[in-house]
Amino acid sequence: MIVGACVPLFLAVTGTGTAGAQTRTLVVGSSATYPPFAYENPQKQIVGFDVDVITAIAQKAGLKVRVINTPWTGIFASLNNGDIDLIVSGVTINDKRKQSYWFTPPYFEARQLLAVPAGSTVKGLKDLNGKKVGVVIGSAGDDIASAAFGKTSANIRRFESTP
């Protein structure tokens, strides 16, 4: 299940409502590079809105939560491998992901936007043709840039996290 800051509460919990599950600790993967949703505080604790949401849900269910900072590029592999029970990390719901994962209803609506310097003449995606575009690998932004400019475009710069 995936709990996504950007769209759904995506809980890929591997257990069911058995009595033993009541004492279970859910291992939550989050790419903690996305304030205010999930980030590391000065004490290296993962905090933020996503963490608050999943903690409240788990508390209501009588479960404990352990949040692990998981790089976005490997977050779905970690879920598939059973290293984590669920993802809470700004996950965009798309048709491809819906084929493999169960998503909760969205709890936050996010949109893909362009960030350009003040005074830029860029007004939309088409204005970026031929310019360098930065995206997070495997993100919705990567999907959009790849569709617009070609997956192998040398102008798309892919990064492991937002910072």
C-alpha atoms as a PDB file:
ATOM      1  CA  MET A   1       0.000   0.000   0.000  1.00  0.00           C
ATOM      2  CA  ILE A   2       1.287   3.501  -0.637  1.00  0.00           C
ATOM      3  CA  VAL A   3       0.650   6.578   1.396  1.00  0.00           C
ATOM      4  CA  GLY A   4       1.582   9.461  -0.810  1.00  0.00           C
ATOM      5  CA  ALA A   5       1.942  13.047   0.230  1.00  0.00           C
ATOM      6  CA  CYS A   6       1.227  14.288  -3.214  1.00  0.00           C
ATOM      7  CA  VAL A   7      -1.782  12.203  -3.837  1.00  0.00           C
ATOM      8  CA  PRO A   8      -2.913   9.094  -2.011  1.00  0.00           C
ATOM      9  CA  LEU A   9      -2.415   7.579   1.329  1.00  0.00           C
ATOM     10  CA  PHE A  10      -0.750   4.525  -0.158  1.00  0.00           C
ATOM     11  CA  LEU A  11      -0.602   1.804   2.446  1.00  0.00           C
ATOM     12  CA  ALA A  12       0.907  -1.409   1.149  1.00  0.00           C
ATOM     13  CA  VAL A  13       0.474  -3.206   4.401  1.00  0.00           C
ATOM     14  CA  THR A  14       1.422  -6.842   4.160  1.00  0.00           C
ATOM     15  CA  GLY A  15      -0.709  -8.030   7.074  1.00  0.00           C
ATOM     16  CA  THR A  16      -4.413  -8.334   7.700  1.00  0.00           C
ATOM     17  CA  GLY A  17      -6.456  -7.472  10.726  1.00  0.00           C
ATOM     18  CA  THR A  18      -5.372 -10.467  12.780  1.00  0.00           C
ATOM     19  CA  ALA A  19      -4.855 -10.199  16.515  1.00  0.00           C
ATOM     20  CA  GLY A  20      -1.086 -10.535  16.060  1.00  0.00           C
ATOM     21  CA  ALA A  21      -1.077  -7.503  13.801  1.00  0.00           C
ATOM     22  CA  GLN A  22      -2.179  -5.316  16.710  1.00  0.00           C
ATOM     23  CA  THR A  23       1.349  -5.335  18.140  1.00  0.00           C
ATOM     24  CA  ARG A  24       3.089  -5.159  14.793  1.00  0.00           C
ATOM     25  CA  THR A  25       5.418  -2.333  13.844  1.00  0.00           C
ATOM     26  CA  LEU A  26       4.844  -1.087  10.314  1.00  0.00           C
ATOM     27  CA  VAL A  27       8.054  -0.261   8.488  1.00  0.00           C
ATOM     28  CA  VAL A  28       7.360   2.844   6.431  1.00  0.00           C
ATOM     29  CA  GLY A  29       9.535   3.965   3.530  1.00  0.00           C
ATOM     30  CA  SER A  30       9.734   7.682   2.870  1.00  0.00           C
ATOM     31  CA  SER A  31      12.061   9.695   0.677  1.00  0.00           C
ATOM     32  CA  ALA A  32      12.678  12.272   3.392  1.00  0.00           C
ATOM     33  CA  THR A  33      13.829  15.057   1.099  1.00  0.00           C
ATOM     34  CA  TYR A  34      10.489  16.769   0.571  1.00  0.00           C
ATOM     35  CA  PRO A  35       9.619  19.304   3.294  1.00  0.00           C
ATOM     36  CA  PRO A  36       7.097  19.913   4.704  1.00  0.00           C
ATOM     37  CA  PHE A  37       5.847  16.391   3.931  1.00  0.00           C
ATOM     38  CA  ALA A  38       8.863  14.294   4.937  1.00  0.00           C
ATOM     39  CA  TYR A  39      12.351  15.459   5.884  1.00  0.00           C
ATOM     40  CA  GLU A  40      15.072  14.954   8.441  1.00  0.00           C
ATOM     41  CA  ASN A  41      15.136  17.381  11.357  1.00  0.00           C
ATOM     42  CA  PRO A  42      18.453  18.451  12.970  1.00  0.00           C
ATOM     43  CA  GLN A  43      18.263  15.371  15.230  1.00  0.00           C
ATOM     44  CA  LYS A  44      18.107  13.154  12.097  1.00  0.00           C
ATOM     45  CA  GLN A  45      14.519  12.126  12.843  1.00  0.00           C
ATOM     46  CA  ILE A  46      12.156  11.848   9.893  1.00  0.00           C
ATOM     47  CA  VAL A  47       9.322  14.286  10.463  1.00  0.00           C
ATOM     48  CA  GLY A  48       6.656  16.101   8.476  1.00  0.00           C
ATOM     49  CA  PHE A  49       3.036  15.981   7.419  1.00  0.00           C
ATOM     50  CA  ASP A  50       3.257  12.499   5.850  1.00  0.00           C
ATOM     51  CA  VAL A  51       4.848  11.123   9.001  1.00  0.00           C
ATOM     52  CA  ASP A  52       2.157  12.747  11.145  1.00  0.00           C
ATOM     53  CA  VAL A  53      -0.597  11.244   8.960  1.00  0.00           C
ATOM     54  CA  ILE A  54       0.745   7.678   8.994  1.00  0.00           C
ATOM     55  CA  THR A  55       1.539   7.887  12.713  1.00  0.00           C
ATOM     56  CA  ALA A  56      -2.040   8.977  13.468  1.00  0.00           C
ATOM     57  CA  ILE A  57      -3.483   6.189  11.312  1.00  0.00           C
ATOM     58  CA  ALA A  58      -1.261   3.558  12.911  1.00  0.00           C
ATOM     59  CA  GLN A  59      -2.060   4.836  16.393  1.00  0.00           C
ATOM     60  CA  LYS A  60      -5.806   4.539  15.641  1.00  0.00           C
ATOM     61  CA  ALA A  61      -5.209   0.958  14.489  1.00  0.00           C
ATOM     62  CA  GLY A  62      -3.119   0.117  17.549  1.00  0.00           C
ATOM     63  CA  LEU A  63       0.064  -0.281  15.510  1.00  0.00           C
ATOM     64  CA  LYS A  64       3.540   1.167  15.825  1.00  0.00           C
ATOM     65  CA  VAL A  65       5.434   2.879  13.016  1.00  0.00           C
ATOM     66  CA  ARG A  66       9.119   2.991  12.123  1.00  0.00           C
ATOM     67  CA  VAL A  67       9.885   5.415   9.285  1.00  0.00           C
ATOM     68  CA  ILE A  68      12.980   4.722   7.191  1.00  0.00           C
ATOM     69  CA  ASN A  69      14.543   7.298   4.885  1.00  0.00           C
ATOM     70  CA  THR A  70      14.408   5.456   1.566  1.00  0.00           C
ATOM     71  CA  PRO A  71      15.789   7.000  -1.635  1.00  0.00           C
ATOM     72  CA  TRP A  72      13.032   7.619  -4.175  1.00  0.00           C
ATOM     73  CA  THR A  73      14.923   5.675  -6.851  1.00  0.00           C
ATOM     74  CA  GLY A  74      14.626   2.476  -4.806  1.00  0.00           C
ATOM     75  CA  ILE A  75      11.447   3.030  -2.840  1.00  0.00           C
ATOM     76  CA  PHE A  76       9.206   0.782  -4.960  1.00  0.00           C
ATOM     77  CA  ALA A  77      11.863  -1.957  -5.070  1.00  0.00           C
ATOM     78  CA  SER A  78      12.031  -1.807  -1.260  1.00  0.00           C
ATOM     79  CA  LEU A  79       8.266  -2.282  -1.111  1.00  0.00           C
ATOM     80  CA  ASN A  80       8.350  -5.109  -3.664  1.00  0.00           C
ATOM     81  CA  ASN A  81      11.151  -6.855  -1.752  1.00  0.00           C
ATOM     82  CA  GLY A  82       9.268  -6.637   1.540  1.00  0.00           C
ATOM     83  CA  ASP A  83      11.930  -4.403   3.113  1.00  0.00           C
ATOM     84  CA  ILE A  84       9.167  -1.916   3.920  1.00  0.00           C
ATOM     85  CA  ASP A  85       5.454  -2.426   4.478  1.00  0.00           C
ATOM     86  CA  LEU A  86       4.254   0.784   2.919  1.00  0.00           C
ATOM     87  CA  ILE A  87       5.311   4.046   1.325  1.00  0.00           C
ATOM     88  CA  VAL A  88       4.418   7.513   2.510  1.00  0.00           C
ATOM     89  CA  SER A  89       6.250   9.821   0.147  1.00  0.00           C
ATOM     90  CA  GLY A  90       4.416  12.073  -2.273  1.00  0.00           C
ATOM     91  CA  VAL A  91       3.439   9.257  -4.603  1.00  0.00           C
ATOM     92  CA  THR A  92       1.516  10.209  -7.714  1.00  0.00           C
ATOM     93  CA  ILE A  93      -1.222   7.767  -8.675  1.00  0.00           C
ATOM     94  CA  ASN A  94      -0.959   6.720 -12.305  1.00  0.00           C
ATOM     95  CA  ASP A  95      -2.322   3.817 -14.339  1.00  0.00           C
ATOM     96  CA  LYS A  96       0.988   1.927 -14.361  1.00  0.00           C
ATOM     97  CA  ARG A  97       1.339   2.102 -10.583  1.00  0.00           C
ATOM     98  CA  LYS A  98      -2.304   1.141 -10.052  1.00  0.00           C
ATOM     99  CA  GLN A  99      -1.561  -2.155 -11.810  1.00  0.00           C
ATOM    100  CA  SER A 100       0.929  -3.105  -9.095  1.00  0.00           C
ATOM    101  CA  TYR A 101      -0.068  -1.237  -5.943  1.00  0.00           C
ATOM    102  CA  TRP A 102      -3.081  -0.402  -3.843  1.00  0.00           C
ATOM    103  CA  PHE A 103      -3.565   3.286  -3.065  1.00  0.00           C
ATOM    104  CA  THR A 104      -5.706   4.882  -0.419  1.00  0.00           C
ATOM    105  CA  PRO A 105      -7.821   7.858  -1.467  1.00  0.00           C
ATOM    106  CA  PRO A 106      -5.733  11.013  -1.904  1.00  0.00           C
ATOM    107  CA  TYR A 107      -5.250  13.229   1.137  1.00  0.00           C
ATOM    108  CA  PHE A 108      -3.412  16.029  -0.615  1.00  0.00           C
ATOM    109  CA  GLU A 109      -3.710  17.270  -4.172  1.00  0.00           C
ATOM    110  CA  ALA A 110      -0.447  18.259  -5.780  1.00  0.00           C
ATOM    111  CA  ARG A 111       0.264  19.347  -9.309  1.00  0.00           C
ATOM    112  CA  GLN A 112       3.364  19.361 -11.453  1.00  0.00           C
ATOM    113  CA  LEU A 113       4.661  22.903 -11.827  1.00  0.00           C
ATOM    114  CA  LEU A 114       7.642  24.568 -13.440  1.00  0.00           C
ATOM    115  CA  ALA A 115      10.142  26.452 -11.284  1.00  0.00           C
ATOM    116  CA  VAL A 116      12.055  29.063 -13.289  1.00  0.00           C
ATOM    117  CA  PRO A 117      14.042  32.158 -12.325  1.00  0.00           C
ATOM    118  CA  ALA A 118      12.185  35.441 -11.850  1.00  0.00           C
ATOM    119  CA  GLY A 119      11.860  37.276 -15.152  1.00  0.00           C
ATOM    120  CA  SER A 120      12.063  34.068 -17.199  1.00  0.00           C
ATOM    121  CA  THR A 121      10.247  33.987 -20.526  1.00  0.00           C
ATOM    122  CA  VAL A 122       9.199  30.380 -19.872  1.00  0.00           C
ATOM    123  CA  LYS A 123       5.428  30.258 -19.497  1.00  0.00           C
ATOM    124  CA  GLY A 124       4.749  26.595 -20.112  1.00  0.00           C
ATOM    125  CA  LEU A 125       6.235  23.192 -20.857  1.00  0.00           C
ATOM    126  CA  LYS A 126       6.667  23.853 -24.589  1.00  0.00           C
ATOM    127  CA  ASP A 127       8.906  26.833 -23.774  1.00  0.00           C
ATOM    128  CA  LEU A 128      11.433  24.411 -22.252  1.00  0.00           C
ATOM    129  CA  ASN A 129      12.129  22.665 -25.550  1.00  0.00           C
ATOM    130  CA  GLY A 130      15.913  22.725 -26.024  1.00  0.00           C
ATOM    131  CA  LYS A 131      16.547  23.882 -22.441  1.00  0.00           C
ATOM    132  CA  LYS A 132      17.899  21.842 -19.548  1.00  0.00           C
ATOM    133  CA  VAL A 133      15.174  20.406 -17.308  1.00  0.00           C
ATOM    134  CA  GLY A 134      15.801  18.874 -13.865  1.00  0.00           C
ATOM    135  CA  VAL A 135      13.587  16.047 -12.586  1.00  0.00           C
ATOM    136  CA  VAL A 136      13.672  13.385  -9.902  1.00  0.00           C
ATOM    137  CA  ILE A 137      14.303   9.944 -11.421  1.00  0.00           C
ATOM    138  CA  GLY A 138      11.060   7.986 -11.797  1.00  0.00           C
ATOM    139  CA  SER A 139       8.858  10.874 -10.662  1.00  0.00           C
ATOM    140  CA  ALA A 140       5.759  12.290 -12.334  1.00  0.00           C
ATOM    141  CA  GLY A 141       7.982  15.163 -13.491  1.00  0.00           C
ATOM    142  CA  ASP A 142      10.318  12.649 -15.151  1.00  0.00           C
ATOM    143  CA  ASP A 143       7.342  11.025 -16.899  1.00  0.00           C
ATOM    144  CA  ILE A 144       6.077  14.395 -18.173  1.00  0.00           C
ATOM    145  CA  ALA A 145       9.498  15.609 -19.342  1.00  0.00           C
ATOM    146  CA  SER A 146      10.202  12.268 -21.038  1.00  0.00           C
ATOM    147  CA  ALA A 147       6.875  12.405 -22.885  1.00  0.00           C
ATOM    148  CA  ALA A 148       7.417  16.016 -23.931  1.00  0.00           C
ATOM    149  CA  PHE A 149      11.102  15.903 -24.929  1.00  0.00           C
ATOM    150  CA  GLY A 150      11.937  12.205 -25.373  1.00  0.00           C
ATOM    151  CA  LYS A 151      13.076   9.766 -22.699  1.00  0.00           C
ATOM    152  CA  THR A 152      16.673   9.917 -23.933  1.00  0.00           C
ATOM    153  CA  SER A 153      16.845  13.708 -24.295  1.00  0.00           C
ATOM    154  CA  ALA A 154      20.250  15.020 -23.228  1.00  0.00           C
ATOM    155  CA  ASN A 155      18.447  18.100 -21.860  1.00  0.00           C
ATOM    156  CA  ILE A 156      16.664  16.138 -19.132  1.00  0.00           C
ATOM    157  CA  ARG A 157      18.846  16.037 -16.022  1.00  0.00           C
ATOM    158  CA  ARG A 158      17.732  13.340 -13.592  1.00  0.00           C
ATOM    159  CA  PHE A 159      18.438  13.559  -9.873  1.00  0.00           C
ATOM    160  CA  GLU A 160      17.897  11.109  -7.016  1.00  0.00           C
ATOM    161  CA  SER A 161      16.025  13.613  -4.850  1.00  0.00           C
ATOM    162  CA  THR A 162      14.537  17.079  -4.948  1.00  0.00           C
ATOM    163  CA  PRO A 163      17.396  18.959  -3.220  1.00  0.00           C
END
